[in-house]
Amino acid sequence: MAQTWRLVAGAAERLGMRRPSYQHVRRLVRIERRRRQLEARGRAVLGRAATTLAAGRVPSAVLVLERLRELESAQELVLQEHKAFRPP
């Protein structure tokens, strides 16, 4: 996170903008990491369904859709946390 903050702060200075606080960048990095984890879990759910189909079996559509819906809800919460962080 520190390296990300240094890169962002340097880019902000070159653009004539204020440097973001370390805490701000740290929070955004945590949000992005969580979002990427949720996306990876979604790909894993779809991958398991595809593997099941390739094996000649039929995956439970209800179970797959339920898991994807849960992941989508979790991702929406992560993105809402990001939006709540915007300054007024």
Protein backbone atom coordinates (compact mmCIF):
# COMPACT_ATOMS: atom_id res chain seq x y z
CA MET A 1 0.00 0.00 0.00
CA ALA A 2 2.85 2.34 0.75
CA GLN A 3 4.28 1.87 -2.74
CA THR A 4 0.85 2.53 -4.27
CA TRP A 5 0.53 5.69 -2.18
CA ARG A 6 3.99 6.90 -3.32
CA LEU A 7 3.10 6.31 -6.97
CA VAL A 8 -0.29 8.01 -6.69
CA ALA A 9 1.14 10.93 -4.70
CA GLY A 10 3.89 11.44 -7.28
CA ALA A 11 1.41 11.34 -10.15
CA ALA A 12 -0.86 13.81 -8.36
CA GLU A 13 2.02 16.25 -7.88
CA ARG A 14 3.03 16.00 -11.54
CA LEU A 15 -0.55 16.83 -12.49
CA GLY A 16 -0.63 19.78 -10.13
CA MET A 17 -3.11 18.13 -7.79
CA ARG A 18 -3.03 17.66 -4.04
CA ARG A 19 -1.45 14.51 -2.75
CA PRO A 20 -4.05 12.11 -1.34
CA SER A 21 -3.67 11.08 2.27
CA TYR A 22 -2.12 7.73 3.01
CA GLN A 23 -5.33 6.64 4.76
CA HIS A 24 -7.41 7.51 1.70
CA VAL A 25 -5.23 5.45 -0.63
CA ARG A 26 -5.06 2.61 1.89
CA ARG A 27 -8.84 2.41 2.09
CA LEU A 28 -9.22 2.46 -1.70
CA VAL A 29 -6.61 -0.28 -2.05
CA ARG A 30 -8.47 -2.46 0.47
CA ILE A 31 -11.76 -1.87 -1.38
CA GLU A 32 -10.16 -2.78 -4.74
CA ARG A 33 -8.57 -5.91 -3.30
CA ARG A 34 -11.91 -7.06 -1.88
CA ARG A 35 -13.66 -6.35 -5.20
CA ARG A 36 -11.07 -8.43 -7.05
CA GLN A 37 -11.46 -11.29 -4.55
CA LEU A 38 -15.21 -11.31 -5.14
CA GLU A 39 -14.71 -11.34 -8.91
CA ALA A 40 -12.32 -14.29 -8.59
CA ARG A 41 -14.88 -16.17 -6.49
CA GLY A 42 -17.49 -15.52 -9.18
CA ARG A 43 -15.18 -16.89 -11.85
CA ALA A 44 -14.58 -19.96 -9.65
CA VAL A 45 -18.34 -20.58 -9.34
CA LEU A 46 -18.73 -20.36 -13.12
CA GLY A 47 -15.64 -22.53 -13.63
CA ARG A 48 -17.06 -25.26 -11.41
CA ALA A 49 -20.34 -25.13 -13.34
CA ALA A 50 -18.45 -25.41 -16.64
CA THR A 51 -16.38 -28.32 -15.32
CA THR A 52 -19.53 -30.09 -14.21
CA LEU A 53 -21.05 -29.60 -17.68
CA ALA A 54 -17.85 -30.82 -19.34
CA ALA A 55 -18.03 -33.97 -17.21
CA GLY A 56 -21.45 -34.69 -18.67
CA ARG A 57 -23.45 -33.70 -15.62
CA VAL A 58 -25.86 -30.82 -15.16
CA PRO A 59 -24.98 -28.29 -12.45
CA SER A 60 -27.74 -26.97 -10.25
CA ALA A 61 -28.76 -23.73 -11.93
CA VAL A 62 -30.47 -22.59 -8.74
CA LEU A 63 -27.29 -23.11 -6.70
CA VAL A 64 -25.07 -21.38 -9.26
CA LEU A 65 -27.41 -18.40 -9.56
CA GLU A 66 -27.77 -18.17 -5.79
CA ARG A 67 -24.01 -18.07 -5.27
CA LEU A 68 -23.58 -15.49 -8.04
CA ARG A 69 -26.34 -13.35 -6.52
CA GLU A 70 -24.64 -13.51 -3.11
CA LEU A 71 -21.34 -12.43 -4.64
CA GLU A 72 -23.03 -9.61 -6.55
CA SER A 73 -24.65 -8.36 -3.34
CA ALA A 74 -21.29 -8.44 -1.56
CA GLN A 75 -19.68 -6.54 -4.43
CA GLU A 76 -22.41 -3.90 -4.31
CA LEU A 77 -21.66 -3.38 -0.61
CA VAL A 78 -17.97 -2.95 -1.40
CA LEU A 79 -18.74 -0.39 -4.09
CA GLN A 80 -21.17 1.45 -1.79
CA GLU A 81 -18.38 1.73 0.76
CA HIS A 82 -16.28 3.41 -1.93
CA LYS A 83 -19.06 5.82 -2.84
CA ALA A 84 -19.63 6.67 0.83
CA PHE A 85 -15.99 7.73 1.03
CA ARG A 86 -16.38 10.56 -1.49
CA PRO A 87 -15.96 14.01 -0.02
CA PRO A 88 -19.08 16.20 -0.01
